[in-house]
N, C-alpha and C. Protein backbone atom coordinates (compact mmCIF):
# COMPACT_ATOMS: atom_id res chain seq x y z
N UNK A 1 -43.87 7.55 -1.67
CA UNK A 1 -44.09 6.27 -2.31
C UNK A 1 -43.12 5.23 -1.74
N UNK A 2 -43.65 4.04 -1.44
CA UNK A 2 -42.82 2.98 -0.88
C UNK A 2 -41.89 2.40 -1.96
N UNK A 3 -40.64 2.13 -1.59
CA UNK A 3 -39.77 1.43 -2.54
C UNK A 3 -40.31 0.01 -2.77
N UNK A 4 -40.23 -0.45 -4.02
CA UNK A 4 -40.77 -1.75 -4.40
C UNK A 4 -39.62 -2.75 -4.53
N UNK A 5 -39.77 -3.91 -3.87
CA UNK A 5 -38.75 -4.94 -3.90
C UNK A 5 -39.34 -6.24 -4.43
N UNK A 6 -38.66 -6.81 -5.41
CA UNK A 6 -39.04 -8.12 -5.95
C UNK A 6 -38.22 -9.17 -5.22
N UNK A 7 -38.92 -10.11 -4.56
CA UNK A 7 -38.26 -11.21 -3.85
C UNK A 7 -38.49 -12.47 -4.68
N UNK A 8 -37.41 -13.16 -5.02
CA UNK A 8 -37.50 -14.37 -5.84
C UNK A 8 -36.88 -15.53 -5.08
N UNK A 9 -37.72 -16.46 -4.66
CA UNK A 9 -37.25 -17.63 -3.93
C UNK A 9 -38.32 -18.70 -4.02
N UNK A 10 -37.92 -19.96 -4.12
CA UNK A 10 -38.91 -21.03 -4.20
C UNK A 10 -39.23 -21.63 -2.83
N UNK A 11 -38.61 -21.10 -1.78
CA UNK A 11 -38.86 -21.59 -0.43
C UNK A 11 -39.88 -20.67 0.26
N UNK A 12 -41.06 -21.22 0.57
CA UNK A 12 -42.14 -20.41 1.16
C UNK A 12 -41.75 -19.78 2.49
N UNK A 13 -41.00 -20.52 3.32
CA UNK A 13 -40.60 -19.99 4.62
C UNK A 13 -39.68 -18.77 4.45
N UNK A 14 -38.73 -18.88 3.54
CA UNK A 14 -37.81 -17.77 3.27
C UNK A 14 -38.59 -16.56 2.75
N UNK A 15 -39.52 -16.81 1.82
CA UNK A 15 -40.35 -15.73 1.28
C UNK A 15 -41.13 -15.02 2.38
N UNK A 16 -41.75 -15.80 3.25
CA UNK A 16 -42.55 -15.21 4.33
C UNK A 16 -41.69 -14.38 5.27
N UNK A 17 -40.50 -14.90 5.60
CA UNK A 17 -39.59 -14.19 6.50
C UNK A 17 -39.15 -12.86 5.89
N UNK A 18 -38.68 -12.90 4.65
CA UNK A 18 -38.20 -11.67 4.00
C UNK A 18 -39.35 -10.68 3.82
N UNK A 19 -40.49 -11.19 3.39
CA UNK A 19 -41.66 -10.31 3.20
C UNK A 19 -42.02 -9.61 4.51
N UNK A 20 -42.05 -10.37 5.61
CA UNK A 20 -42.39 -9.82 6.92
C UNK A 20 -41.41 -8.71 7.31
N UNK A 21 -40.11 -8.98 7.18
CA UNK A 21 -39.09 -8.00 7.56
C UNK A 21 -39.25 -6.71 6.75
N UNK A 22 -39.43 -6.87 5.44
CA UNK A 22 -39.46 -5.68 4.57
C UNK A 22 -40.78 -4.92 4.64
N UNK A 23 -41.90 -5.63 4.72
CA UNK A 23 -43.19 -4.92 4.84
C UNK A 23 -43.27 -4.15 6.15
N UNK A 24 -42.71 -4.74 7.20
CA UNK A 24 -42.68 -4.09 8.51
C UNK A 24 -41.89 -2.77 8.44
N UNK A 25 -40.97 -2.70 7.47
CA UNK A 25 -40.13 -1.51 7.31
C UNK A 25 -40.55 -0.66 6.12
N UNK A 26 -41.82 -0.79 5.76
CA UNK A 26 -42.45 0.10 4.78
C UNK A 26 -41.97 -0.07 3.33
N UNK A 27 -41.71 -1.31 2.93
CA UNK A 27 -41.40 -1.59 1.54
C UNK A 27 -42.59 -2.30 0.90
N UNK A 28 -42.81 -2.02 -0.38
CA UNK A 28 -43.82 -2.75 -1.15
C UNK A 28 -43.15 -4.00 -1.70
N UNK A 29 -43.85 -5.14 -1.60
CA UNK A 29 -43.24 -6.43 -1.96
C UNK A 29 -43.95 -7.07 -3.15
N UNK A 30 -43.14 -7.58 -4.07
CA UNK A 30 -43.62 -8.39 -5.19
C UNK A 30 -42.90 -9.74 -5.05
N UNK A 31 -43.63 -10.84 -5.27
CA UNK A 31 -43.07 -12.18 -5.05
C UNK A 31 -43.05 -12.97 -6.36
N UNK A 32 -41.96 -13.74 -6.55
CA UNK A 32 -41.90 -14.71 -7.64
C UNK A 32 -41.24 -15.97 -7.07
N UNK A 33 -41.71 -17.15 -7.57
CA UNK A 33 -41.20 -18.40 -7.01
C UNK A 33 -40.35 -19.22 -7.98
N UNK A 34 -40.17 -18.73 -9.22
CA UNK A 34 -39.28 -19.42 -10.14
C UNK A 34 -38.69 -18.39 -11.11
N UNK A 35 -37.70 -18.83 -11.87
CA UNK A 35 -36.97 -17.92 -12.74
C UNK A 35 -37.81 -17.29 -13.84
N UNK A 36 -38.71 -18.05 -14.42
CA UNK A 36 -39.55 -17.52 -15.50
C UNK A 36 -40.52 -16.49 -14.96
N UNK A 37 -41.18 -16.82 -13.85
CA UNK A 37 -42.11 -15.88 -13.21
C UNK A 37 -41.35 -14.61 -12.78
N UNK A 38 -40.11 -14.79 -12.31
CA UNK A 38 -39.31 -13.66 -11.84
C UNK A 38 -39.06 -12.65 -12.96
N UNK A 39 -38.70 -13.14 -14.13
CA UNK A 39 -38.44 -12.24 -15.26
C UNK A 39 -39.71 -11.52 -15.67
N UNK A 40 -40.84 -12.25 -15.71
CA UNK A 40 -42.12 -11.61 -16.05
C UNK A 40 -42.47 -10.52 -15.04
N UNK A 41 -42.36 -10.85 -13.75
CA UNK A 41 -42.72 -9.88 -12.70
C UNK A 41 -41.78 -8.68 -12.73
N UNK A 42 -40.49 -8.92 -13.00
CA UNK A 42 -39.56 -7.81 -13.08
C UNK A 42 -39.97 -6.87 -14.21
N UNK A 43 -40.22 -7.44 -15.37
CA UNK A 43 -40.58 -6.63 -16.54
C UNK A 43 -41.90 -5.88 -16.34
N UNK A 44 -42.84 -6.49 -15.61
CA UNK A 44 -44.15 -5.86 -15.38
C UNK A 44 -44.10 -4.78 -14.30
N UNK A 45 -43.38 -5.04 -13.22
CA UNK A 45 -43.48 -4.17 -12.05
C UNK A 45 -42.35 -3.16 -11.89
N UNK A 46 -41.24 -3.35 -12.59
CA UNK A 46 -40.09 -2.43 -12.50
C UNK A 46 -39.73 -2.10 -11.04
N UNK A 47 -39.31 -3.12 -10.27
CA UNK A 47 -38.99 -2.88 -8.85
C UNK A 47 -37.74 -2.02 -8.67
N UNK A 48 -37.60 -1.46 -7.48
CA UNK A 48 -36.45 -0.63 -7.14
C UNK A 48 -35.24 -1.47 -6.74
N UNK A 49 -35.48 -2.73 -6.33
CA UNK A 49 -34.42 -3.64 -5.90
C UNK A 49 -34.91 -5.06 -6.06
N UNK A 50 -33.99 -5.98 -6.30
CA UNK A 50 -34.35 -7.40 -6.46
C UNK A 50 -33.51 -8.25 -5.50
N UNK A 51 -34.19 -9.15 -4.78
CA UNK A 51 -33.52 -10.17 -3.96
C UNK A 51 -33.79 -11.50 -4.65
N UNK A 52 -32.74 -12.22 -5.03
CA UNK A 52 -32.94 -13.45 -5.79
C UNK A 52 -32.10 -14.60 -5.24
N UNK A 53 -32.75 -15.73 -5.04
CA UNK A 53 -32.05 -16.95 -4.64
C UNK A 53 -31.35 -17.52 -5.87
N UNK A 54 -30.23 -18.21 -5.66
CA UNK A 54 -29.51 -18.77 -6.81
C UNK A 54 -30.22 -19.99 -7.37
N UNK A 55 -30.65 -20.90 -6.49
CA UNK A 55 -31.27 -22.14 -6.96
C UNK A 55 -32.78 -21.96 -7.11
N UNK A 56 -33.22 -21.84 -8.36
CA UNK A 56 -34.64 -21.65 -8.67
C UNK A 56 -35.07 -22.64 -9.74
N UNK A 57 -36.36 -22.99 -9.78
CA UNK A 57 -36.86 -23.81 -10.88
C UNK A 57 -36.85 -23.02 -12.19
N UNK A 58 -36.69 -23.70 -13.30
CA UNK A 58 -36.79 -23.20 -14.68
C UNK A 58 -35.62 -22.34 -15.14
N UNK A 59 -35.26 -21.31 -14.41
CA UNK A 59 -34.08 -20.49 -14.71
C UNK A 59 -33.38 -20.21 -13.39
N UNK A 60 -32.06 -20.24 -13.39
CA UNK A 60 -31.33 -20.00 -12.14
C UNK A 60 -31.40 -18.52 -11.75
N UNK A 61 -31.10 -18.27 -10.50
CA UNK A 61 -31.05 -16.89 -10.03
C UNK A 61 -30.02 -16.07 -10.78
N UNK A 62 -28.93 -16.72 -11.21
CA UNK A 62 -27.92 -15.98 -11.97
C UNK A 62 -28.43 -15.62 -13.36
N UNK A 63 -29.22 -16.49 -13.98
CA UNK A 63 -29.84 -16.16 -15.27
C UNK A 63 -30.81 -14.99 -15.10
N UNK A 64 -31.56 -15.02 -14.01
CA UNK A 64 -32.50 -13.93 -13.72
C UNK A 64 -31.73 -12.62 -13.51
N UNK A 65 -30.65 -12.69 -12.73
CA UNK A 65 -29.83 -11.50 -12.47
C UNK A 65 -29.26 -10.95 -13.78
N UNK A 66 -28.81 -11.84 -14.65
CA UNK A 66 -28.27 -11.42 -15.94
C UNK A 66 -29.34 -10.68 -16.76
N UNK A 67 -30.55 -11.23 -16.78
CA UNK A 67 -31.66 -10.57 -17.51
C UNK A 67 -31.91 -9.17 -16.94
N UNK A 68 -32.01 -9.10 -15.63
CA UNK A 68 -32.30 -7.82 -14.98
C UNK A 68 -31.22 -6.78 -15.29
N UNK A 69 -29.97 -7.17 -15.17
CA UNK A 69 -28.87 -6.24 -15.41
C UNK A 69 -28.78 -5.84 -16.89
N UNK A 70 -29.20 -6.74 -17.80
CA UNK A 70 -29.15 -6.39 -19.23
C UNK A 70 -30.28 -5.43 -19.60
N UNK A 71 -31.39 -5.50 -18.87
CA UNK A 71 -32.54 -4.63 -19.13
C UNK A 71 -32.43 -3.32 -18.35
N UNK A 72 -31.94 -3.42 -17.12
CA UNK A 72 -31.91 -2.26 -16.23
C UNK A 72 -30.67 -2.33 -15.34
N UNK A 73 -29.55 -1.86 -15.85
CA UNK A 73 -28.29 -1.99 -15.11
C UNK A 73 -28.29 -1.22 -13.79
N UNK A 74 -29.20 -0.25 -13.64
CA UNK A 74 -29.25 0.56 -12.42
C UNK A 74 -30.00 -0.12 -11.27
N UNK A 75 -30.80 -1.16 -11.57
CA UNK A 75 -31.56 -1.83 -10.52
C UNK A 75 -30.64 -2.70 -9.68
N UNK A 76 -30.55 -2.44 -8.37
CA UNK A 76 -29.69 -3.27 -7.52
C UNK A 76 -30.24 -4.70 -7.43
N UNK A 77 -29.32 -5.67 -7.53
CA UNK A 77 -29.67 -7.08 -7.42
C UNK A 77 -28.83 -7.68 -6.30
N UNK A 78 -29.51 -8.32 -5.34
CA UNK A 78 -28.84 -9.00 -4.24
C UNK A 78 -29.12 -10.49 -4.38
N UNK A 79 -28.05 -11.28 -4.42
CA UNK A 79 -28.18 -12.73 -4.54
C UNK A 79 -28.18 -13.33 -3.15
N UNK A 80 -29.12 -14.25 -2.93
CA UNK A 80 -29.20 -15.01 -1.67
C UNK A 80 -28.80 -16.44 -1.98
N UNK A 81 -27.99 -17.05 -1.12
CA UNK A 81 -27.60 -18.42 -1.41
C UNK A 81 -27.25 -19.19 -0.15
N UNK A 82 -27.64 -20.46 -0.15
CA UNK A 82 -27.24 -21.38 0.91
C UNK A 82 -26.30 -22.43 0.35
N UNK A 83 -25.80 -22.21 -0.85
CA UNK A 83 -24.93 -23.18 -1.48
C UNK A 83 -23.64 -23.36 -0.70
N UNK A 84 -23.17 -24.60 -0.63
CA UNK A 84 -21.96 -24.91 0.13
C UNK A 84 -20.69 -24.36 -0.50
N UNK A 85 -20.55 -24.43 -1.82
CA UNK A 85 -19.35 -23.98 -2.50
C UNK A 85 -19.42 -22.47 -2.69
N UNK A 86 -19.38 -21.76 -1.58
CA UNK A 86 -19.71 -20.35 -1.59
C UNK A 86 -18.76 -19.47 -2.39
N UNK A 87 -17.46 -19.75 -2.31
CA UNK A 87 -16.52 -18.85 -2.96
C UNK A 87 -16.74 -18.76 -4.47
N UNK A 88 -16.87 -19.91 -5.15
CA UNK A 88 -17.08 -19.86 -6.60
C UNK A 88 -18.46 -19.31 -6.94
N UNK A 89 -19.44 -19.56 -6.07
CA UNK A 89 -20.78 -19.03 -6.28
C UNK A 89 -20.77 -17.50 -6.19
N UNK A 90 -20.06 -16.98 -5.21
CA UNK A 90 -19.96 -15.53 -5.05
C UNK A 90 -19.26 -14.93 -6.27
N UNK A 91 -18.15 -15.54 -6.69
CA UNK A 91 -17.43 -15.04 -7.87
C UNK A 91 -18.33 -15.02 -9.09
N UNK A 92 -19.06 -16.12 -9.29
CA UNK A 92 -19.97 -16.22 -10.44
C UNK A 92 -21.04 -15.13 -10.37
N UNK A 93 -21.59 -14.92 -9.18
CA UNK A 93 -22.64 -13.90 -9.01
C UNK A 93 -22.10 -12.52 -9.38
N UNK A 94 -20.90 -12.20 -8.93
CA UNK A 94 -20.35 -10.87 -9.22
C UNK A 94 -19.95 -10.73 -10.69
N UNK A 95 -19.66 -11.84 -11.37
CA UNK A 95 -19.44 -11.78 -12.83
C UNK A 95 -20.71 -11.32 -13.54
N UNK A 96 -21.87 -11.61 -12.95
CA UNK A 96 -23.15 -11.19 -13.52
C UNK A 96 -23.53 -9.79 -13.05
N UNK A 97 -22.57 -9.10 -12.43
CA UNK A 97 -22.73 -7.71 -12.00
C UNK A 97 -23.80 -7.50 -10.92
N UNK A 98 -23.99 -8.51 -10.06
CA UNK A 98 -24.91 -8.31 -8.94
C UNK A 98 -24.29 -7.30 -7.98
N UNK A 99 -25.12 -6.68 -7.17
CA UNK A 99 -24.65 -5.61 -6.30
C UNK A 99 -24.26 -6.08 -4.90
N UNK A 100 -24.79 -7.24 -4.50
CA UNK A 100 -24.46 -7.75 -3.17
C UNK A 100 -24.78 -9.24 -3.12
N UNK A 101 -24.26 -9.91 -2.10
CA UNK A 101 -24.44 -11.34 -1.92
C UNK A 101 -24.67 -11.59 -0.44
N UNK A 102 -25.73 -12.31 -0.10
CA UNK A 102 -26.02 -12.62 1.29
C UNK A 102 -26.15 -14.14 1.42
N UNK A 103 -25.39 -14.71 2.36
CA UNK A 103 -25.46 -16.15 2.61
C UNK A 103 -26.63 -16.47 3.53
N UNK A 104 -27.32 -17.56 3.20
CA UNK A 104 -28.37 -18.06 4.08
C UNK A 104 -27.73 -19.03 5.06
N UNK A 105 -28.17 -19.08 6.30
CA UNK A 105 -29.17 -18.19 6.89
C UNK A 105 -28.56 -16.80 7.16
N UNK A 106 -29.40 -15.79 7.14
CA UNK A 106 -28.94 -14.42 7.38
C UNK A 106 -29.76 -13.83 8.51
N UNK A 107 -29.23 -12.77 9.12
CA UNK A 107 -29.99 -12.11 10.17
C UNK A 107 -30.92 -11.09 9.53
N UNK A 108 -32.11 -10.91 10.07
CA UNK A 108 -33.04 -9.91 9.55
C UNK A 108 -32.41 -8.52 9.50
N UNK A 109 -31.63 -8.16 10.52
CA UNK A 109 -30.99 -6.83 10.55
C UNK A 109 -30.00 -6.66 9.41
N UNK A 110 -29.22 -7.71 9.13
CA UNK A 110 -28.24 -7.63 8.04
C UNK A 110 -28.96 -7.42 6.70
N UNK A 111 -30.02 -8.17 6.49
CA UNK A 111 -30.79 -8.03 5.25
C UNK A 111 -31.31 -6.59 5.11
N UNK A 112 -31.91 -6.10 6.16
CA UNK A 112 -32.49 -4.75 6.14
C UNK A 112 -31.43 -3.67 5.89
N UNK A 113 -30.29 -3.79 6.56
CA UNK A 113 -29.21 -2.82 6.38
C UNK A 113 -28.70 -2.81 4.95
N UNK A 114 -28.54 -3.99 4.36
CA UNK A 114 -28.03 -4.05 2.98
C UNK A 114 -29.04 -3.51 1.98
N UNK A 115 -30.31 -3.81 2.20
CA UNK A 115 -31.37 -3.30 1.31
C UNK A 115 -31.40 -1.78 1.38
N UNK A 116 -31.41 -1.25 2.58
CA UNK A 116 -31.47 0.21 2.75
C UNK A 116 -30.24 0.89 2.13
N UNK A 117 -29.07 0.28 2.29
CA UNK A 117 -27.84 0.85 1.73
C UNK A 117 -27.93 0.92 0.20
N UNK A 118 -28.43 -0.13 -0.41
CA UNK A 118 -28.51 -0.17 -1.88
C UNK A 118 -29.59 0.76 -2.45
N UNK A 119 -30.57 1.10 -1.63
CA UNK A 119 -31.66 1.97 -2.10
C UNK A 119 -31.39 3.45 -1.87
N UNK A 120 -30.27 3.78 -1.25
CA UNK A 120 -29.93 5.21 -0.99
C UNK A 120 -29.70 5.94 -2.29
């Protein structure tokens, strides 16, 4: 059975890139484009890993991460961010018990390596 990954980002180009990388490597993909949809999709699909952008419509990526960790602390959550004030953003993300943080832009290989490491 393919591992299922929920990708949450409101940028279509980012979604397409991540989806392409992960589907090519035999992962099942679920997509959400805002915080509210992300929580619904997480609760419905029970993914094995979540990739979430910080800046999302309706609910922030950190609010989504908090929901996921409160419902399923074992599900790895990776925060993606292009925010300039990276240090405080990273600290805030780890306060929400996320498992990893990747700065945009990122290399496809780095993304794949981190996903595979968290799914071991």
